[in-house]
Amino acid sequence: LAALASGHLAGAALDVFDTEPLPPDHPYWTHPRVHVTPHIAGATNPRTASPGVIENIKRMRAGRPLIHTVDPVSGY
């Protein structure tokens, strides 16, 4: 935040934090030049992501809980 305030940074896109989920009152959420993403900023490799997608299709068809889901309540 100090680098943004001083003008050393024009903006920041942040994906990972020391404390997660990021507390609801953290200044990153409301800072006009900070964009928070829920661990989606990295590139996805289809070779490593495909097994999880296939597993979730199997789980969904079987009526079982999915893995690696996003929790909208916590923001991730």
Foldseek 3Di string as FASTA:
>chain_A
DVCCVVVVDVAEEDADDPDPPPDPPDCLVPDPRYHYDDNPPDDDDCVVCVVLVVVQVVCVVVVHDHPPDDDVVRPD
